[in-house]
Amino acid sequence: MQEQRKYCRIPLTSSVRIIYSDNIPLYTTSININRGGIGLYSSSIINEGVIVRLDIMFKDIRSKEIMEVVEGKIIFNYKWHWVYVLGIEFDRLLNHENTPCLLEYIENCERMLRF
């Protein structure tokens, strides 16, 4: 399988609340993130193509708890042992206006990876 990502994946452990269809939240844990998407572990599956809102709770580079909201769609899912792995493509690239702390976290990690 050939790698199709345009951006470097950055490890990110965070709590993510997914809101979709009937507004019932699904609580998940992130695996990694990049400027265009996020990977999650979930106890339930969400079908490919479903549009979702993500409330991402994480610690920024100063260890301050932050929540930022991103929208996207499920682009893949599969079962791995006892959990589901979900891949979500954001509806737009992360930017300093809408998701300043997430983007700062990613940019900081990218700088560290260059050295």
C-alpha atoms as a PDB file:
ATOM      1  CA  MET A   1       0.000   0.000   0.000  1.00  0.00           C
ATOM      2  CA  GLN A   2       1.505   3.310  -1.076  1.00  0.00           C
ATOM      3  CA  GLU A   3       1.572   6.268   1.329  1.00  0.00           C
ATOM      4  CA  GLN A   4      -0.898   8.944   0.169  1.00  0.00           C
ATOM      5  CA  ARG A   5      -0.504  11.559   2.909  1.00  0.00           C
ATOM      6  CA  LYS A   6       0.551  15.039   1.813  1.00  0.00           C
ATOM      7  CA  TYR A   7       1.663  16.094   5.307  1.00  0.00           C
ATOM      8  CA  CYS A   8       3.839  14.536   7.990  1.00  0.00           C
ATOM      9  CA  ARG A   9       1.939  12.688  10.729  1.00  0.00           C
ATOM     10  CA  ILE A  10       2.622  14.012  14.223  1.00  0.00           C
ATOM     11  CA  PRO A  11       1.899  11.894  17.322  1.00  0.00           C
ATOM     12  CA  LEU A  12      -0.936  13.395  19.365  1.00  0.00           C
ATOM     13  CA  THR A  13      -2.635  11.858  22.361  1.00  0.00           C
ATOM     14  CA  SER A  14      -5.854  13.695  23.083  1.00  0.00           C
ATOM     15  CA  SER A  15      -9.504  13.166  23.888  1.00  0.00           C
ATOM     16  CA  VAL A  16     -11.774  13.757  20.918  1.00  0.00           C
ATOM     17  CA  ARG A  17     -15.551  14.056  21.032  1.00  0.00           C
ATOM     18  CA  ILE A  18     -17.113  13.268  17.670  1.00  0.00           C
ATOM     19  CA  ILE A  19     -20.540  14.694  16.888  1.00  0.00           C
ATOM     20  CA  TYR A  20     -22.395  13.395  13.834  1.00  0.00           C
ATOM     21  CA  SER A  21     -25.869  12.602  12.447  1.00  0.00           C
ATOM     22  CA  ASP A  22     -28.162  12.429  15.495  1.00  0.00           C
ATOM     23  CA  ASN A  23     -25.922  14.648  17.696  1.00  0.00           C
ATOM     24  CA  ILE A  24     -25.026  11.769  20.033  1.00  0.00           C
ATOM     25  CA  PRO A  25     -21.362  12.190  20.992  1.00  0.00           C
ATOM     26  CA  LEU A  26     -18.784   9.451  20.541  1.00  0.00           C
ATOM     27  CA  TYR A  27     -15.677   9.776  22.701  1.00  0.00           C
ATOM     28  CA  THR A  28     -12.414   8.680  21.118  1.00  0.00           C
ATOM     29  CA  THR A  29      -8.640   9.001  21.523  1.00  0.00           C
ATOM     30  CA  SER A  30      -6.360  10.455  18.890  1.00  0.00           C
ATOM     31  CA  ILE A  31      -3.363   8.582  17.519  1.00  0.00           C
ATOM     32  CA  ASN A  32      -1.838  11.233  15.293  1.00  0.00           C
ATOM     33  CA  ILE A  33      -2.614  14.443  13.459  1.00  0.00           C
ATOM     34  CA  ASN A  34      -1.399  16.452  10.490  1.00  0.00           C
ATOM     35  CA  ARG A  35      -2.477  19.672   8.813  1.00  0.00           C
ATOM     36  CA  GLY A  36      -5.164  17.855   6.831  1.00  0.00           C
ATOM     37  CA  GLY A  37      -6.498  15.114   9.091  1.00  0.00           C
ATOM     38  CA  ILE A  38      -6.433  13.027  12.244  1.00  0.00           C
ATOM     39  CA  GLY A  39      -6.281   9.347  13.189  1.00  0.00           C
ATOM     40  CA  LEU A  40      -8.416   8.071  16.080  1.00  0.00           C
ATOM     41  CA  TYR A  41      -9.063   4.962  18.171  1.00  0.00           C
ATOM     42  CA  SER A  42     -12.765   4.415  18.794  1.00  0.00           C
ATOM     43  CA  SER A  43     -15.006   1.866  20.506  1.00  0.00           C
ATOM     44  CA  SER A  44     -17.548   2.230  17.669  1.00  0.00           C
ATOM     45  CA  ILE A  45     -17.301   2.429  13.925  1.00  0.00           C
ATOM     46  CA  ILE A  46     -18.467   5.357  11.796  1.00  0.00           C
ATOM     47  CA  ASN A  47     -19.008   4.685   8.102  1.00  0.00           C
ATOM     48  CA  GLU A  48     -16.806   6.214   5.437  1.00  0.00           C
ATOM     49  CA  GLY A  49     -18.126   9.452   3.978  1.00  0.00           C
ATOM     50  CA  VAL A  50     -19.927  10.570   7.146  1.00  0.00           C
ATOM     51  CA  ILE A  51     -19.425  14.274   7.946  1.00  0.00           C
ATOM     52  CA  VAL A  52     -18.344  14.853  11.564  1.00  0.00           C
ATOM     53  CA  ARG A  53     -17.506  17.644  13.993  1.00  0.00           C
ATOM     54  CA  LEU A  54     -14.522  17.032  16.266  1.00  0.00           C
ATOM     55  CA  ASP A  55     -14.016  18.683  19.638  1.00  0.00           C
ATOM     56  CA  ILE A  56     -10.311  18.024  20.228  1.00  0.00           C
ATOM     57  CA  MET A  57      -9.083  18.370  23.854  1.00  0.00           C
ATOM     58  CA  PHE A  58      -5.297  18.456  24.086  1.00  0.00           C
ATOM     59  CA  LYS A  59      -2.396  20.110  25.880  1.00  0.00           C
ATOM     60  CA  ASP A  60      -0.682  22.816  23.874  1.00  0.00           C
ATOM     61  CA  ILE A  61       3.077  23.359  23.804  1.00  0.00           C
ATOM     62  CA  ARG A  62       2.811  25.203  27.148  1.00  0.00           C
ATOM     63  CA  SER A  63       0.902  22.263  28.749  1.00  0.00           C
ATOM     64  CA  LYS A  64      -2.302  24.301  28.867  1.00  0.00           C
ATOM     65  CA  GLU A  65      -5.523  22.358  28.235  1.00  0.00           C
ATOM     66  CA  ILE A  66      -7.150  23.569  25.030  1.00  0.00           C
ATOM     67  CA  MET A  67     -10.226  22.555  23.032  1.00  0.00           C
ATOM     68  CA  GLU A  68     -10.429  23.349  19.332  1.00  0.00           C
ATOM     69  CA  VAL A  69     -13.215  22.392  16.937  1.00  0.00           C
ATOM     70  CA  VAL A  70     -12.614  20.953  13.476  1.00  0.00           C
ATOM     71  CA  GLU A  71     -14.978  19.497  10.879  1.00  0.00           C
ATOM     72  CA  GLY A  72     -14.251  16.758   8.403  1.00  0.00           C
ATOM     73  CA  LYS A  73     -15.333  13.421   7.021  1.00  0.00           C
ATOM     74  CA  ILE A  74     -14.474   9.806   7.685  1.00  0.00           C
ATOM     75  CA  ILE A  75     -12.189   8.557   4.897  1.00  0.00           C
ATOM     76  CA  PHE A  76     -11.344   5.121   6.297  1.00  0.00           C
ATOM     77  CA  ASN A  77     -12.136   2.781   9.154  1.00  0.00           C
ATOM     78  CA  TYR A  78     -11.108  -0.707  10.181  1.00  0.00           C
ATOM     79  CA  LYS A  79     -11.160  -2.939  13.219  1.00  0.00           C
ATOM     80  CA  TRP A  80      -7.840  -3.502  14.958  1.00  0.00           C
ATOM     81  CA  HIS A  81      -8.077  -6.048  17.770  1.00  0.00           C
ATOM     82  CA  TRP A  82     -10.635  -4.572  20.204  1.00  0.00           C
ATOM     83  CA  VAL A  83     -10.924  -1.074  18.770  1.00  0.00           C
ATOM     84  CA  TYR A  84     -11.754   0.684  15.527  1.00  0.00           C
ATOM     85  CA  VAL A  85      -9.269   2.925  13.766  1.00  0.00           C
ATOM     86  CA  LEU A  86     -10.816   5.961  12.080  1.00  0.00           C
ATOM     87  CA  GLY A  87      -9.172   8.282   9.585  1.00  0.00           C
ATOM     88  CA  ILE A  88     -10.704  11.729   9.257  1.00  0.00           C
ATOM     89  CA  GLU A  89      -9.865  14.288   6.591  1.00  0.00           C
ATOM     90  CA  PHE A  90     -10.504  17.856   7.721  1.00  0.00           C
ATOM     91  CA  ASP A  91     -12.786  19.956   5.509  1.00  0.00           C
ATOM     92  CA  ARG A  92      -9.961  22.539   5.340  1.00  0.00           C
ATOM     93  CA  LEU A  93      -6.326  22.615   6.340  1.00  0.00           C
ATOM     94  CA  LEU A  94      -5.654  23.718   9.895  1.00  0.00           C
ATOM     95  CA  ASN A  95      -4.878  27.436  10.047  1.00  0.00           C
ATOM     96  CA  HIS A  96      -3.880  30.094  12.568  1.00  0.00           C
ATOM     97  CA  GLU A  97      -7.301  31.744  12.467  1.00  0.00           C
ATOM     98  CA  ASN A  98      -9.553  28.762  13.277  1.00  0.00           C
ATOM     99  CA  THR A  99      -7.201  26.357  15.078  1.00  0.00           C
ATOM    100  CA  PRO A 100      -4.216  28.372  16.289  1.00  0.00           C
ATOM    101  CA  CYS A 101      -3.104  26.020  19.072  1.00  0.00           C
ATOM    102  CA  LEU A 102      -3.358  22.806  17.042  1.00  0.00           C
ATOM    103  CA  LEU A 103      -1.403  24.376  14.218  1.00  0.00           C
ATOM    104  CA  GLU A 104       1.207  25.744  16.632  1.00  0.00           C
ATOM    105  CA  TYR A 105       1.595  22.230  18.110  1.00  0.00           C
ATOM    106  CA  ILE A 106       2.064  20.720  14.640  1.00  0.00           C
ATOM    107  CA  GLU A 107       4.489  23.424  13.485  1.00  0.00           C
ATOM    108  CA  ASN A 108       6.552  23.002  16.652  1.00  0.00           C
ATOM    109  CA  CYS A 109       6.738  19.219  16.126  1.00  0.00           C
ATOM    110  CA  GLU A 110       7.655  19.667  12.451  1.00  0.00           C
ATOM    111  CA  ARG A 111      10.526  21.967  13.452  1.00  0.00           C
ATOM    112  CA  MET A 112      11.804  19.368  15.928  1.00  0.00           C
ATOM    113  CA  LEU A 113      11.616  16.633  13.284  1.00  0.00           C
ATOM    114  CA  ARG A 114      13.831  18.644  10.917  1.00  0.00           C
ATOM    115  CA  PHE A 115      16.763  18.519  13.354  1.00  0.00           C
END
